Amino acid sequence: MPKLDQLTGENRAWVQQSCPQTLGPNLYKACVEREVRALASGATSSISQVGPRSTEATPRAAPKVRSARRADVYLIETSHNDELFIINGEKFEAKTYCFNMDEDDEVVFLEGSPFGVCVSATLLNLRTRDKCEVWCD
């Protein structure tokens, strides 16, 4: 597991809040490494102003712009009938159904390409922690 000893107390707390260990070993490690890189690159001013994401439901606002500190996180731009999704400007079709995948939800590509250069992909919805198997179009 990544070590956080080199971080200040405030930055260590940020990483621990941003990367819950409930993600499992692989996703947790990738999350911690990504956050530490973001902190090292000087993105701390925007991070400290935003604060960690709350797990409580919030009212939907205008579509969000993906944060610069989380380059591998993509927004679901369009979600239609639990079957069709537009992510990163590319069309993805559920292999069966992907319930509770809403517009503006953040997803990570566990397998496949966010650029649609794949036959199939596996998405992880960061809000619900559900996986979704899709065909790349």
N, C-alpha and C. Protein backbone atom coordinates (compact mmCIF):
# COMPACT_ATOMS: atom_id res chain seq x y z
N MET A 1 0.84 -1.19 0.00
CA MET A 1 0.00 0.00 0.00
C MET A 1 0.88 1.25 0.00
N PRO A 2 0.41 2.31 -0.63
CA PRO A 2 1.19 3.55 -0.67
C PRO A 2 1.38 4.12 0.73
N LYS A 3 2.52 4.74 0.93
CA LYS A 3 2.81 5.37 2.22
C LYS A 3 2.49 6.85 2.13
N LEU A 4 1.89 7.38 3.18
CA LEU A 4 1.50 8.79 3.22
C LEU A 4 2.38 9.60 4.16
N ASP A 5 3.47 8.99 4.66
CA ASP A 5 4.33 9.64 5.65
C ASP A 5 4.92 10.96 5.16
N GLN A 6 5.18 11.08 3.85
CA GLN A 6 5.82 12.28 3.33
C GLN A 6 4.86 13.47 3.23
N LEU A 7 3.57 13.26 3.45
CA LEU A 7 2.57 14.33 3.33
C LEU A 7 2.39 15.07 4.65
N THR A 8 1.98 16.32 4.55
CA THR A 8 1.61 17.07 5.75
C THR A 8 0.33 16.46 6.32
N GLY A 9 0.02 16.81 7.55
CA GLY A 9 -1.19 16.28 8.19
C GLY A 9 -2.45 16.63 7.42
N GLU A 10 -2.52 17.86 6.93
CA GLU A 10 -3.70 18.31 6.18
C GLU A 10 -3.83 17.53 4.87
N ASN A 11 -2.71 17.37 4.15
CA ASN A 11 -2.75 16.63 2.88
C ASN A 11 -3.02 15.15 3.10
N ARG A 12 -2.48 14.58 4.18
CA ARG A 12 -2.74 13.18 4.49
C ARG A 12 -4.24 12.98 4.76
N ALA A 13 -4.84 13.90 5.52
CA ALA A 13 -6.27 13.82 5.81
C ALA A 13 -7.08 13.93 4.52
N TRP A 14 -6.64 14.81 3.61
CA TRP A 14 -7.33 14.98 2.33
C TRP A 14 -7.34 13.65 1.56
N VAL A 15 -6.17 13.03 1.44
CA VAL A 15 -6.06 11.78 0.69
C VAL A 15 -6.91 10.70 1.34
N GLN A 16 -6.89 10.62 2.66
CA GLN A 16 -7.67 9.59 3.35
C GLN A 16 -9.17 9.80 3.17
N GLN A 17 -9.61 11.06 3.10
CA GLN A 17 -11.03 11.33 2.87
C GLN A 17 -11.41 11.10 1.41
N SER A 18 -10.50 11.40 0.51
CA SER A 18 -10.78 11.26 -0.92
C SER A 18 -10.76 9.81 -1.38
N CYS A 19 -10.00 8.97 -0.68
CA CYS A 19 -9.80 7.58 -1.10
C CYS A 19 -10.21 6.63 0.03
N PRO A 20 -11.49 6.32 0.16
CA PRO A 20 -11.91 5.39 1.21
C PRO A 20 -11.36 3.99 0.96
N GLN A 21 -10.94 3.31 2.00
CA GLN A 21 -10.38 1.98 1.86
C GLN A 21 -11.43 0.96 1.43
N THR A 22 -12.68 1.33 1.47
CA THR A 22 -13.75 0.44 1.02
C THR A 22 -13.71 0.23 -0.49
N LEU A 23 -12.87 0.99 -1.21
CA LEU A 23 -12.73 0.81 -2.66
C LEU A 23 -12.11 -0.53 -3.00
N GLY A 24 -11.42 -1.12 -2.04
CA GLY A 24 -10.69 -2.35 -2.31
C GLY A 24 -9.24 -2.02 -2.63
N PRO A 25 -8.35 -2.99 -2.53
CA PRO A 25 -6.92 -2.72 -2.64
C PRO A 25 -6.48 -2.05 -3.93
N ASN A 26 -6.92 -2.54 -5.09
CA ASN A 26 -6.44 -1.98 -6.35
C ASN A 26 -6.93 -0.55 -6.57
N LEU A 27 -8.23 -0.33 -6.39
CA LEU A 27 -8.77 1.02 -6.60
C LEU A 27 -8.25 1.99 -5.53
N TYR A 28 -8.12 1.50 -4.29
CA TYR A 28 -7.60 2.36 -3.21
C TYR A 28 -6.17 2.80 -3.54
N LYS A 29 -5.34 1.86 -3.95
CA LYS A 29 -3.95 2.18 -4.27
C LYS A 29 -3.89 3.19 -5.41
N ALA A 30 -4.65 2.96 -6.48
CA ALA A 30 -4.66 3.88 -7.62
C ALA A 30 -5.16 5.26 -7.21
N CYS A 31 -6.17 5.30 -6.36
CA CYS A 31 -6.71 6.58 -5.89
C CYS A 31 -5.67 7.34 -5.09
N VAL A 32 -5.02 6.66 -4.14
CA VAL A 32 -4.00 7.31 -3.30
C VAL A 32 -2.86 7.83 -4.17
N GLU A 33 -2.38 7.00 -5.09
CA GLU A 33 -1.28 7.44 -5.96
C GLU A 33 -1.67 8.64 -6.79
N ARG A 34 -2.90 8.66 -7.29
CA ARG A 34 -3.39 9.78 -8.10
C ARG A 34 -3.47 11.06 -7.25
N GLU A 35 -3.99 10.94 -6.03
CA GLU A 35 -4.12 12.11 -5.17
C GLU A 35 -2.75 12.65 -4.74
N VAL A 36 -1.82 11.75 -4.44
CA VAL A 36 -0.47 12.18 -4.05
C VAL A 36 0.21 12.89 -5.21
N ARG A 37 0.04 12.36 -6.45
CA ARG A 37 0.60 13.04 -7.63
C ARG A 37 -0.01 14.43 -7.80
N ALA A 38 -1.31 14.53 -7.58
CA ALA A 38 -1.98 15.83 -7.71
C ALA A 38 -1.44 16.82 -6.69
N LEU A 39 -1.25 16.36 -5.47
CA LEU A 39 -0.70 17.23 -4.44
C LEU A 39 0.73 17.65 -4.78
N ALA A 40 1.52 16.73 -5.30
CA ALA A 40 2.91 17.02 -5.64
C ALA A 40 3.01 17.97 -6.83
N SER A 41 2.01 17.95 -7.71
CA SER A 41 2.06 18.81 -8.89
C SER A 41 1.62 20.24 -8.61
N GLY A 42 1.25 20.53 -7.37
CA GLY A 42 0.87 21.89 -7.01
C GLY A 42 -0.60 22.17 -7.14
N ALA A 43 -1.41 21.16 -7.26
CA ALA A 43 -2.86 21.34 -7.38
C ALA A 43 -3.52 21.55 -6.02
N THR A 44 -2.74 21.78 -4.98
CA THR A 44 -3.29 21.85 -3.63
C THR A 44 -4.19 23.05 -3.42
N SER A 45 -3.94 24.16 -4.12
CA SER A 45 -4.78 25.33 -3.87
C SER A 45 -6.22 25.08 -4.28
N SER A 46 -6.42 24.44 -5.44
CA SER A 46 -7.80 24.16 -5.85
C SER A 46 -8.39 23.02 -5.04
N ILE A 47 -7.57 22.07 -4.61
CA ILE A 47 -8.07 20.96 -3.81
C ILE A 47 -8.55 21.44 -2.46
N SER A 48 -7.77 22.26 -1.78
CA SER A 48 -8.16 22.68 -0.45
C SER A 48 -9.39 23.57 -0.47
N GLN A 49 -9.62 24.28 -1.57
CA GLN A 49 -10.81 25.12 -1.65
C GLN A 49 -12.05 24.28 -1.90
N VAL A 50 -11.91 23.21 -2.66
CA VAL A 50 -13.06 22.38 -2.98
C VAL A 50 -13.44 21.49 -1.81
N GLY A 51 -12.46 20.85 -1.18
CA GLY A 51 -12.72 19.95 -0.07
C GLY A 51 -13.16 18.60 -0.57
N PRO A 52 -13.20 17.61 0.30
CA PRO A 52 -13.59 16.27 -0.12
C PRO A 52 -15.05 16.21 -0.51
N ARG A 53 -15.37 15.28 -1.37
CA ARG A 53 -16.74 15.12 -1.84
C ARG A 53 -17.59 14.48 -0.75
N SER A 54 -18.72 15.07 -0.49
CA SER A 54 -19.64 14.53 0.51
C SER A 54 -20.35 13.31 -0.05
N THR A 55 -20.66 12.36 0.83
CA THR A 55 -21.40 11.18 0.40
C THR A 55 -22.91 11.41 0.49
N GLU A 56 -23.33 12.54 1.02
CA GLU A 56 -24.75 12.82 1.12
C GLU A 56 -25.29 13.27 -0.23
N ALA A 57 -26.56 12.99 -0.48
CA ALA A 57 -27.19 13.39 -1.73
C ALA A 57 -27.28 14.91 -1.79
N THR A 58 -26.97 15.46 -2.97
CA THR A 58 -27.07 16.90 -3.17
C THR A 58 -27.93 17.14 -4.39
N PRO A 59 -28.61 18.29 -4.44
CA PRO A 59 -29.43 18.57 -5.61
C PRO A 59 -28.57 18.65 -6.86
N ARG A 60 -29.11 18.23 -7.98
CA ARG A 60 -28.38 18.28 -9.25
C ARG A 60 -28.25 19.73 -9.70
N ALA A 61 -27.08 20.06 -10.20
CA ALA A 61 -26.83 21.40 -10.72
C ALA A 61 -26.52 21.26 -12.21
N ALA A 62 -26.04 22.34 -12.78
CA ALA A 62 -25.61 22.29 -14.17
C ALA A 62 -24.49 21.27 -14.30
N PRO A 63 -24.29 20.70 -15.47
CA PRO A 63 -23.23 19.70 -15.64
C PRO A 63 -21.90 20.21 -15.11
N LYS A 64 -21.18 19.31 -14.44
CA LYS A 64 -19.92 19.67 -13.83
C LYS A 64 -18.79 19.43 -14.81
N VAL A 65 -17.73 20.19 -14.62
CA VAL A 65 -16.52 19.96 -15.39
C VAL A 65 -15.65 19.04 -14.56
N ARG A 66 -15.05 18.05 -15.20
CA ARG A 66 -14.20 17.11 -14.50
C ARG A 66 -13.04 17.85 -13.86
N SER A 67 -12.74 17.51 -12.63
CA SER A 67 -11.67 18.15 -11.88
C SER A 67 -10.33 17.80 -12.48
N ALA A 68 -9.41 18.76 -12.49
CA ALA A 68 -8.08 18.54 -13.04
C ALA A 68 -7.29 17.53 -12.22
N ARG A 69 -7.64 17.35 -10.95
CA ARG A 69 -6.88 16.44 -10.11
C ARG A 69 -7.28 14.99 -10.32
N ARG A 70 -8.36 14.73 -11.04
CA ARG A 70 -8.83 13.37 -11.23
C ARG A 70 -9.01 13.11 -12.72
N ALA A 71 -7.89 12.99 -13.41
CA ALA A 71 -7.91 12.89 -14.86
C ALA A 71 -8.54 11.61 -15.38
N ASP A 72 -8.62 10.57 -14.56
CA ASP A 72 -9.18 9.32 -15.03
C ASP A 72 -10.64 9.14 -14.65
N VAL A 73 -11.27 10.19 -14.16
CA VAL A 73 -12.69 10.16 -13.79
C VAL A 73 -13.47 10.90 -14.88
N TYR A 74 -14.54 10.27 -15.35
CA TYR A 74 -15.34 10.85 -16.43
C TYR A 74 -16.79 10.99 -15.98
N LEU A 75 -17.47 11.98 -16.54
CA LEU A 75 -18.89 12.20 -16.24
C LEU A 75 -19.76 11.49 -17.26
N ILE A 76 -20.87 10.96 -16.77
CA ILE A 76 -21.88 10.44 -17.69
C ILE A 76 -22.61 11.66 -18.23
N GLU A 77 -22.42 11.95 -19.50
CA GLU A 77 -23.03 13.13 -20.11
C GLU A 77 -24.49 12.89 -20.43
N THR A 78 -24.81 11.67 -20.86
CA THR A 78 -26.18 11.29 -21.18
C THR A 78 -26.40 9.87 -20.70
N SER A 79 -27.56 9.65 -20.09
CA SER A 79 -27.95 8.31 -19.67
C SER A 79 -29.38 8.10 -20.17
N HIS A 80 -29.58 7.07 -21.00
CA HIS A 80 -30.90 6.83 -21.57
C HIS A 80 -31.34 5.39 -21.34
N ASN A 81 -32.45 5.26 -20.62
CA ASN A 81 -33.14 3.97 -20.46
C ASN A 81 -32.25 2.86 -19.87
N ASP A 82 -31.29 3.22 -19.02
CA ASP A 82 -30.38 2.27 -18.37
C ASP A 82 -29.59 1.43 -19.38
N GLU A 83 -29.53 1.88 -20.65
CA GLU A 83 -28.89 1.09 -21.70
C GLU A 83 -27.84 1.86 -22.49
N LEU A 84 -28.04 3.15 -22.67
CA LEU A 84 -27.18 3.94 -23.54
C LEU A 84 -26.57 5.08 -22.74
N PHE A 85 -25.26 5.24 -22.89
CA PHE A 85 -24.55 6.27 -22.13
C PHE A 85 -23.58 7.00 -23.05
N ILE A 86 -23.52 8.31 -22.89
CA ILE A 86 -22.50 9.11 -23.56
C ILE A 86 -21.52 9.53 -22.48
N ILE A 87 -20.27 9.13 -22.64
CA ILE A 87 -19.21 9.43 -21.69
C ILE A 87 -18.02 9.90 -22.49
N ASN A 88 -17.47 11.05 -22.13
CA ASN A 88 -16.31 11.59 -22.82
C ASN A 88 -16.60 11.76 -24.31
N GLY A 89 -17.86 12.07 -24.63
CA GLY A 89 -18.26 12.27 -26.02
C GLY A 89 -18.41 10.99 -26.82
N GLU A 90 -18.24 9.84 -26.19
CA GLU A 90 -18.33 8.55 -26.87
C GLU A 90 -19.58 7.80 -26.41
N LYS A 91 -20.12 6.97 -27.30
CA LYS A 91 -21.34 6.21 -27.01
C LYS A 91 -20.97 4.82 -26.48
N PHE A 92 -21.61 4.43 -25.37
CA PHE A 92 -21.42 3.11 -24.77
C PHE A 92 -22.80 2.51 -24.55
N GLU A 93 -22.92 1.22 -24.84
CA GLU A 93 -24.21 0.54 -24.71
C GLU A 93 -24.07 -0.59 -23.70
N ALA A 94 -24.99 -0.64 -22.73
CA ALA A 94 -24.95 -1.66 -21.68
C ALA A 94 -25.09 -3.05 -22.29
N LYS A 95 -24.33 -4.01 -21.75
CA LYS A 95 -24.44 -5.38 -22.23
C LYS A 95 -25.79 -5.96 -21.83
N THR A 96 -26.28 -5.62 -20.65
CA THR A 96 -27.64 -5.98 -20.22
C THR A 96 -28.32 -4.67 -19.86
N TYR A 97 -28.36 -4.34 -18.59
CA TYR A 97 -28.86 -3.05 -18.12
C TYR A 97 -27.91 -2.55 -17.04
N CYS A 98 -27.73 -1.25 -16.97
CA CYS A 98 -26.92 -0.63 -15.92
C CYS A 98 -27.83 0.33 -15.16
N PHE A 99 -28.44 -0.20 -14.11
CA PHE A 99 -29.39 0.60 -13.35
C PHE A 99 -28.67 1.64 -12.49
N ASN A 100 -29.34 2.76 -12.28
CA ASN A 100 -28.87 3.81 -11.38
C ASN A 100 -27.58 4.45 -11.86
N MET A 101 -27.43 4.59 -13.16
CA MET A 101 -26.30 5.31 -13.77
C MET A 101 -26.91 6.58 -14.36
N ASP A 102 -26.77 7.68 -13.64
CA ASP A 102 -27.44 8.92 -14.00
C ASP A 102 -26.50 9.92 -14.64
N GLU A 103 -27.07 10.87 -15.37
CA GLU A 103 -26.27 11.96 -15.92
C GLU A 103 -25.55 12.66 -14.78
N ASP A 104 -24.33 13.09 -15.05
CA ASP A 104 -23.44 13.78 -14.12
C ASP A 104 -22.83 12.86 -13.07
N ASP A 105 -23.13 11.56 -13.09
CA ASP A 105 -22.42 10.63 -12.22
C ASP A 105 -20.99 10.51 -12.72
N GLU A 106 -20.06 10.36 -11.80
CA GLU A 106 -18.66 10.16 -12.14
C GLU A 106 -18.38 8.67 -12.26
N VAL A 107 -17.65 8.29 -13.30
CA VAL A 107 -17.29 6.89 -13.52
C VAL A 107 -15.79 6.78 -13.78
N VAL A 108 -15.27 5.60 -13.48
CA VAL A 108 -13.89 5.25 -13.77
C VAL A 108 -13.93 4.03 -14.68
N PHE A 109 -13.08 4.00 -15.67
CA PHE A 109 -12.99 2.84 -16.56
C PHE A 109 -12.04 1.84 -15.93
N LEU A 110 -12.58 0.72 -15.45
CA LEU A 110 -11.76 -0.34 -14.89
C LEU A 110 -11.12 -1.16 -16.00
N GLU A 111 -11.83 -1.33 -17.11
CA GLU A 111 -11.34 -1.99 -18.31
C GLU A 111 -11.89 -1.24 -19.50
N GLY A 112 -11.18 -1.28 -20.61
CA GLY A 112 -11.65 -0.60 -21.81
C GLY A 112 -11.15 0.83 -21.85
N SER A 113 -11.62 1.56 -22.84
CA SER A 113 -11.12 2.90 -23.10
C SER A 113 -12.22 3.95 -23.02
N PRO A 114 -11.96 5.07 -22.33
CA PRO A 114 -12.93 6.16 -22.30
C PRO A 114 -13.05 6.86 -23.65
N PHE A 115 -12.18 6.49 -24.59
CA PHE A 115 -12.20 7.10 -25.91
C PHE A 115 -12.92 6.22 -26.93
N GLY A 116 -13.56 5.13 -26.43
CA GLY A 116 -14.34 4.26 -27.29
C GLY A 116 -13.50 3.33 -28.13
N VAL A 117 -12.20 3.27 -27.88
CA VAL A 117 -11.31 2.41 -28.66
C VAL A 117 -11.24 1.06 -27.96
N CYS A 118 -12.34 0.32 -28.02
CA CYS A 118 -12.42 -0.97 -27.34
C CYS A 118 -13.63 -1.72 -27.87
N VAL A 119 -13.69 -2.99 -27.55
CA VAL A 119 -14.86 -3.80 -27.89
C VAL A 119 -15.85 -3.72 -26.74
N SER A 120 -15.33 -3.83 -25.50
CA SER A 120 -16.18 -3.72 -24.32
C SER A 120 -15.39 -3.01 -23.23
N ALA A 121 -16.11 -2.59 -22.20
CA ALA A 121 -15.49 -1.88 -21.09
C ALA A 121 -16.26 -2.18 -19.81
N THR A 122 -15.58 -1.97 -18.69
CA THR A 122 -16.21 -2.09 -17.39
C THR A 122 -16.09 -0.74 -16.69
N LEU A 123 -17.21 -0.20 -16.27
CA LEU A 123 -17.25 1.09 -15.61
C LEU A 123 -17.54 0.90 -14.12
N LEU A 124 -17.00 1.78 -13.31
CA LEU A 124 -17.34 1.83 -11.89
C LEU A 124 -17.97 3.17 -11.63
N ASN A 125 -19.23 3.17 -11.19
CA ASN A 125 -19.93 4.40 -10.82
C ASN A 125 -19.44 4.80 -9.43
N LEU A 126 -18.83 5.96 -9.31
CA LEU A 126 -18.26 6.38 -8.03
C LEU A 126 -19.33 6.78 -7.02
N ARG A 127 -20.53 7.11 -7.49
CA ARG A 127 -21.61 7.46 -6.56
C ARG A 127 -22.21 6.21 -5.93
N THR A 128 -22.49 5.21 -6.75
CA THR A 128 -23.17 4.02 -6.25
C THR A 128 -22.23 2.87 -5.96
N ARG A 129 -20.99 2.94 -6.48
CA ARG A 129 -20.00 1.87 -6.38
C ARG A 129 -20.42 0.62 -7.15
N ASP A 130 -21.36 0.77 -8.09
CA ASP A 130 -21.81 -0.33 -8.93
C ASP A 130 -20.94 -0.41 -10.18
N LYS A 131 -20.70 -1.62 -10.65
CA LYS A 131 -19.98 -1.83 -11.91
C LYS A 131 -21.00 -1.99 -13.02
N CYS A 132 -20.59 -1.63 -14.22
CA CYS A 132 -21.46 -1.72 -15.39
C CYS A 132 -20.62 -2.23 -16.55
N GLU A 133 -21.10 -3.28 -17.21
CA GLU A 133 -20.43 -3.84 -18.37
C GLU A 133 -21.09 -3.21 -19.62
N VAL A 134 -20.28 -2.63 -20.49
CA VAL A 134 -20.80 -1.95 -21.68
C VAL A 134 -20.04 -2.39 -22.92
N TRP A 135 -20.71 -2.20 -24.07
CA TRP A 135 -20.07 -2.35 -25.37
C TRP A 135 -19.59 -0.98 -25.80
N CYS A 136 -18.42 -0.92 -26.38
CA CYS A 136 -17.91 0.34 -26.93
C CYS A 136 -18.44 0.45 -28.35
N ASP A 137 -18.86 1.64 -28.72
CA ASP A 137 -19.44 1.81 -30.06
C ASP A 137 -18.47 2.46 -31.01
